[in-house]
């Protein structure tokens, strides 16, 4: 997800096609985007953590978890669908 070389190639290609276009980029913390993904209640059971001796359920998607990348990509694909 953080392939800056690929991003640079895409920006240069876009600039060659349209030299007058103004390109703006920014980088956000992808970890927070992963954690914003909703998780099914049955999956949340697998994310029980211990904090100060008490068990807590982490209801957010964990960055680096087994299915976290697929979940994030799936939700990202939905956001690009035309609602009209």
Protein backbone atom coordinates (compact mmCIF):
# COMPACT_ATOMS: atom_id res chain seq x y z
CA UNK A 1 0.00 0.00 0.00
CA UNK A 2 2.95 2.34 0.46
CA UNK A 3 4.67 1.88 -2.90
CA UNK A 4 5.94 5.42 -3.48
CA UNK A 5 7.86 4.43 -6.62
CA UNK A 6 4.60 3.28 -8.22
CA UNK A 7 2.87 6.50 -7.12
CA UNK A 8 5.69 8.56 -8.65
CA UNK A 9 5.40 6.72 -11.96
CA UNK A 10 1.65 7.33 -12.07
CA UNK A 11 2.07 11.04 -11.32
CA UNK A 12 4.74 11.47 -13.99
CA UNK A 13 2.59 9.63 -16.55
CA UNK A 14 -0.39 11.86 -15.70
CA UNK A 15 1.73 15.02 -15.99
CA UNK A 16 3.06 13.93 -19.42
CA UNK A 17 -0.53 13.42 -20.66
CA UNK A 18 -1.72 16.77 -19.33
CA UNK A 19 1.17 19.16 -18.48
CA UNK A 20 -1.18 21.88 -17.19
CA UNK A 21 -2.92 19.70 -14.61
CA UNK A 22 -2.24 20.59 -10.96
CA UNK A 23 -1.42 17.46 -8.98
CA UNK A 24 -1.88 17.36 -5.22
CA UNK A 25 -0.86 14.43 -3.04
CA UNK A 26 -0.90 13.68 0.65
CA UNK A 27 -0.09 10.70 2.80
CA UNK A 28 -2.27 9.53 5.62
CA UNK A 29 -1.77 6.95 8.33
CA UNK A 30 -3.10 3.73 6.78
CA UNK A 31 -3.29 2.10 10.21
CA UNK A 32 -6.17 4.39 11.16
CA UNK A 33 -7.95 3.61 7.89
CA UNK A 34 -7.70 -0.12 8.65
CA UNK A 35 -9.10 0.40 12.15
CA UNK A 36 -12.12 2.22 10.72
CA UNK A 37 -13.25 -0.98 8.94
CA UNK A 38 -16.18 -2.65 10.71
CA UNK A 39 -15.62 -6.20 11.91
CA UNK A 40 -18.21 -8.98 12.21
CA UNK A 41 -19.07 -9.87 15.82
CA UNK A 42 -17.87 -13.45 15.36
CA UNK A 43 -14.48 -12.14 14.20
CA UNK A 44 -14.25 -9.76 17.16
CA UNK A 45 -14.09 -12.80 19.45
CA UNK A 46 -10.70 -13.57 17.92
CA UNK A 47 -9.43 -10.12 18.90
CA UNK A 48 -9.66 -10.35 22.68
CA UNK A 49 -6.73 -8.61 24.35
CA UNK A 50 -5.65 -8.31 27.98
CA UNK A 51 -5.15 -4.82 29.41
CA UNK A 52 -4.09 -4.52 33.06
CA UNK A 53 -5.35 -8.01 33.77
CA UNK A 54 -8.80 -7.46 32.23
CA UNK A 55 -9.99 -8.93 28.94
CA UNK A 56 -11.17 -6.46 26.30
CA UNK A 57 -12.58 -6.98 22.82
CA UNK A 58 -10.86 -4.95 20.12
CA UNK A 59 -13.76 -4.32 17.73
CA UNK A 60 -11.65 -2.65 15.06
CA UNK A 61 -9.77 -4.18 12.16
CA UNK A 62 -6.13 -4.78 13.15
CA UNK A 63 -3.38 -3.55 10.83
CA UNK A 64 -1.29 -6.56 9.90
CA UNK A 65 -3.95 -9.08 10.86
CA UNK A 66 -4.55 -12.15 8.70
CA UNK A 67 -7.59 -10.78 6.85
CA UNK A 68 -7.13 -7.06 7.43
CA UNK A 69 -5.74 -6.27 3.97
CA UNK A 70 -8.55 -8.10 2.16
CA UNK A 71 -11.18 -6.37 4.30
CA UNK A 72 -9.66 -2.95 3.67
CA UNK A 73 -9.42 -3.53 -0.10
CA UNK A 74 -13.00 -4.84 -0.26
CA UNK A 75 -14.37 -1.77 1.52
CA UNK A 76 -12.22 0.50 -0.61
CA UNK A 77 -13.70 -1.10 -3.74
CA UNK A 78 -17.23 -0.35 -2.51
CA UNK A 79 -16.38 3.31 -1.98
CA UNK A 80 -15.53 3.61 -5.68
CA UNK A 81 -18.88 2.27 -6.91
CA UNK A 82 -21.28 4.72 -8.56
CA UNK A 83 -24.39 5.05 -6.39
CA UNK A 84 -26.49 6.51 -9.21
